[in-house]
Amino acid sequence: MKVAFTLPYPPSGNRVTRRGKFHQYESPEAKAYKTGVALLLKSLKVTKFDAQTKIAVTVYIYRPRASGDLDNRLKALLDALNGLVWEDDRQVVEIHAYRAEDKANPRAEVVVSA
């Protein structure tokens, strides 16, 4: 099984969590991204892989400008897919990530396969 979809440009991993006085919490930006991804995947009718399936993820990140680390964008993106495309992130056994620039249309193109 293989699914492919395009998502909005993810927030930086540096903005996924915030530190409160006594604990860490998910940032409003990360929550909004997760909510948007969930709605988009629901509208696309993306089927979730079962819990025993080992997953390979390929991600093409198109940045609005040539700055920032590729790996910082992966955290928010993969967290948003957890529980929606696969049951648990321990199923992800392979990740391929690429980056390019597209000022007019920043995005993440994702391919998930068993």
C-alpha atoms as a PDB file:
ATOM      1  CA  MET A   1       0.000   0.000   0.000  1.00  0.00           C
ATOM      2  CA  LYS A   2       1.214   3.511  -0.798  1.00  0.00           C
ATOM      3  CA  VAL A   3      -0.357   6.934  -0.224  1.00  0.00           C
ATOM      4  CA  ALA A   4       0.802  10.351  -1.419  1.00  0.00           C
ATOM      5  CA  PHE A   5      -0.461  13.797  -0.472  1.00  0.00           C
ATOM      6  CA  THR A   6       0.609  17.424  -0.237  1.00  0.00           C
ATOM      7  CA  LEU A   7       0.526  19.312   3.064  1.00  0.00           C
ATOM      8  CA  PRO A   8       1.054  22.940   4.029  1.00  0.00           C
ATOM      9  CA  TYR A   9       4.603  24.017   4.842  1.00  0.00           C
ATOM     10  CA  PRO A  10       5.247  22.787   8.416  1.00  0.00           C
ATOM     11  CA  PRO A  11       6.345  24.998  11.307  1.00  0.00           C
ATOM     12  CA  SER A  12       9.899  24.710  12.582  1.00  0.00           C
ATOM     13  CA  GLY A  13      10.665  22.005  15.130  1.00  0.00           C
ATOM     14  CA  ASN A  14      11.972  24.840  17.285  1.00  0.00           C
ATOM     15  CA  ARG A  15       8.366  26.041  17.581  1.00  0.00           C
ATOM     16  CA  VAL A  16       6.639  22.717  18.269  1.00  0.00           C
ATOM     17  CA  THR A  17       6.940  22.880  22.037  1.00  0.00           C
ATOM     18  CA  ARG A  18       7.018  25.717  24.530  1.00  0.00           C
ATOM     19  CA  ARG A  19       8.306  25.672  28.061  1.00  0.00           C
ATOM     20  CA  GLY A  20       5.972  26.824  30.807  1.00  0.00           C
ATOM     21  CA  LYS A  21       6.935  27.533  34.373  1.00  0.00           C
ATOM     22  CA  PHE A  22       6.573  23.883  35.406  1.00  0.00           C
ATOM     23  CA  HIS A  23       6.210  21.864  32.195  1.00  0.00           C
ATOM     24  CA  GLN A  24       6.569  21.735  28.432  1.00  0.00           C
ATOM     25  CA  TYR A  25       3.502  22.050  26.232  1.00  0.00           C
ATOM     26  CA  GLU A  26       2.599  21.964  22.559  1.00  0.00           C
ATOM     27  CA  SER A  27       2.718  25.416  20.970  1.00  0.00           C
ATOM     28  CA  PRO A  28      -0.422  26.996  19.468  1.00  0.00           C
ATOM     29  CA  GLU A  29       1.355  26.975  16.084  1.00  0.00           C
ATOM     30  CA  ALA A  30       1.951  23.205  16.303  1.00  0.00           C
ATOM     31  CA  LYS A  31      -1.653  22.562  17.413  1.00  0.00           C
ATOM     32  CA  ALA A  32      -2.995  24.618  14.507  1.00  0.00           C
ATOM     33  CA  TYR A  33      -0.776  22.736  12.053  1.00  0.00           C
ATOM     34  CA  LYS A  34      -1.930  19.345  13.402  1.00  0.00           C
ATOM     35  CA  THR A  35      -5.571  20.405  13.189  1.00  0.00           C
ATOM     36  CA  GLY A  36      -5.149  21.621   9.615  1.00  0.00           C
ATOM     37  CA  VAL A  37      -3.376  18.418   8.583  1.00  0.00           C
ATOM     38  CA  ALA A  38      -6.102  16.267  10.179  1.00  0.00           C
ATOM     39  CA  LEU A  39      -8.839  18.148   8.314  1.00  0.00           C
ATOM     40  CA  LEU A  40      -6.959  17.939   5.026  1.00  0.00           C
ATOM     41  CA  LEU A  41      -6.254  14.209   5.342  1.00  0.00           C
ATOM     42  CA  LYS A  42      -9.898  13.581   6.240  1.00  0.00           C
ATOM     43  CA  SER A  43     -11.049  15.469   3.136  1.00  0.00           C
ATOM     44  CA  LEU A  44      -8.563  13.475   1.006  1.00  0.00           C
ATOM     45  CA  LYS A  45      -9.833  10.232   2.598  1.00  0.00           C
ATOM     46  CA  VAL A  46      -6.306   9.030   3.406  1.00  0.00           C
ATOM     47  CA  THR A  47      -6.443   5.507   4.832  1.00  0.00           C
ATOM     48  CA  LYS A  48      -4.497   4.731   8.009  1.00  0.00           C
ATOM     49  CA  PHE A  49      -1.960   1.894   7.920  1.00  0.00           C
ATOM     50  CA  ASP A  50      -2.638  -0.825  10.501  1.00  0.00           C
ATOM     51  CA  ALA A  51      -0.549  -0.995  13.667  1.00  0.00           C
ATOM     52  CA  GLN A  52       1.627  -3.926  12.521  1.00  0.00           C
ATOM     53  CA  THR A  53       2.738  -2.350   9.238  1.00  0.00           C
ATOM     54  CA  LYS A  54       6.278  -1.024   9.018  1.00  0.00           C
ATOM     55  CA  ILE A  55       6.276   2.379   7.321  1.00  0.00           C
ATOM     56  CA  ALA A  56       8.664   4.204   4.973  1.00  0.00           C
ATOM     57  CA  VAL A  57       8.156   7.964   4.637  1.00  0.00           C
ATOM     58  CA  THR A  58       9.525  10.148   1.849  1.00  0.00           C
ATOM     59  CA  VAL A  59       9.139  13.911   2.268  1.00  0.00           C
ATOM     60  CA  TYR A  60       9.891  16.717  -0.185  1.00  0.00           C
ATOM     61  CA  ILE A  61       9.965  20.061   1.646  1.00  0.00           C
ATOM     62  CA  TYR A  62       9.644  23.140  -0.567  1.00  0.00           C
ATOM     63  CA  ARG A  63      10.791  26.152   1.465  1.00  0.00           C
ATOM     64  CA  PRO A  64       9.738  29.757   0.851  1.00  0.00           C
ATOM     65  CA  ARG A  65      13.415  30.823   1.016  1.00  0.00           C
ATOM     66  CA  ALA A  66      16.853  29.251   1.258  1.00  0.00           C
ATOM     67  CA  SER A  67      17.215  29.232   5.036  1.00  0.00           C
ATOM     68  CA  GLY A  68      16.525  26.853   7.899  1.00  0.00           C
ATOM     69  CA  ASP A  69      17.320  23.216   8.492  1.00  0.00           C
ATOM     70  CA  LEU A  70      15.474  20.396   6.776  1.00  0.00           C
ATOM     71  CA  ASP A  71      15.305  18.292   9.945  1.00  0.00           C
ATOM     72  CA  ASN A  72      13.574  21.110  11.887  1.00  0.00           C
ATOM     73  CA  ARG A  73      10.549  20.846   9.583  1.00  0.00           C
ATOM     74  CA  LEU A  74      10.269  17.064   9.886  1.00  0.00           C
ATOM     75  CA  LYS A  75       9.365  17.022  13.605  1.00  0.00           C
ATOM     76  CA  ALA A  76       6.120  18.970  13.227  1.00  0.00           C
ATOM     77  CA  LEU A  77       5.183  17.182  10.015  1.00  0.00           C
ATOM     78  CA  LEU A  78       5.732  13.638  11.309  1.00  0.00           C
ATOM     79  CA  ASP A  79       4.013  14.456  14.624  1.00  0.00           C
ATOM     80  CA  ALA A  80       0.983  15.688  12.679  1.00  0.00           C
ATOM     81  CA  LEU A  81       0.759  12.385  10.760  1.00  0.00           C
ATOM     82  CA  ASN A  82       1.043  10.202  13.865  1.00  0.00           C
ATOM     83  CA  GLY A  83      -2.322   8.614  14.633  1.00  0.00           C
ATOM     84  CA  LEU A  84      -3.751   9.705  11.273  1.00  0.00           C
ATOM     85  CA  VAL A  85      -1.673   7.920   8.611  1.00  0.00           C
ATOM     86  CA  TRP A  86      -0.105   5.347  10.927  1.00  0.00           C
ATOM     87  CA  GLU A  87      -1.109   4.178  14.391  1.00  0.00           C
ATOM     88  CA  ASP A  88       2.143   4.913  16.242  1.00  0.00           C
ATOM     89  CA  ASP A  89       5.402   6.556  15.184  1.00  0.00           C
ATOM     90  CA  ARG A  90       7.362   3.450  16.179  1.00  0.00           C
ATOM     91  CA  GLN A  91       6.042   1.979  12.901  1.00  0.00           C
ATOM     92  CA  VAL A  92       8.204   4.416  10.909  1.00  0.00           C
ATOM     93  CA  VAL A  93      11.377   2.485  10.120  1.00  0.00           C
ATOM     94  CA  GLU A  94      12.659   4.522   7.174  1.00  0.00           C
ATOM     95  CA  ILE A  95      12.667   8.257   6.377  1.00  0.00           C
ATOM     96  CA  HIS A  96      13.894   9.989   3.228  1.00  0.00           C
ATOM     97  CA  ALA A  97      13.791  13.784   3.225  1.00  0.00           C
ATOM     98  CA  TYR A  98      14.658  16.297   0.528  1.00  0.00           C
ATOM     99  CA  ARG A  99      14.444  20.060   0.335  1.00  0.00           C
ATOM    100  CA  ALA A 100      14.116  22.656  -2.377  1.00  0.00           C
ATOM    101  CA  GLU A 101      12.896  26.237  -2.627  1.00  0.00           C
ATOM    102  CA  ASP A 102       9.535  27.365  -3.973  1.00  0.00           C
ATOM    103  CA  LYS A 103       8.787  30.907  -2.842  1.00  0.00           C
ATOM    104  CA  ALA A 104       5.396  30.941  -4.558  1.00  0.00           C
ATOM    105  CA  ASN A 105       4.160  27.638  -3.103  1.00  0.00           C
ATOM    106  CA  PRO A 106       5.935  26.396   0.054  1.00  0.00           C
ATOM    107  CA  ARG A 107       4.675  22.916   0.949  1.00  0.00           C
ATOM    108  CA  ALA A 108       5.486  19.360   1.959  1.00  0.00           C
ATOM    109  CA  GLU A 109       4.868  16.533  -0.477  1.00  0.00           C
ATOM    110  CA  VAL A 110       4.642  13.227   1.376  1.00  0.00           C
ATOM    111  CA  VAL A 111       4.731   9.613   0.195  1.00  0.00           C
ATOM    112  CA  VAL A 112       4.049   6.886   2.770  1.00  0.00           C
ATOM    113  CA  SER A 113       4.451   3.231   1.879  1.00  0.00           C
ATOM    114  CA  ALA A 114       4.401  -0.130   3.595  1.00  0.00           C
END
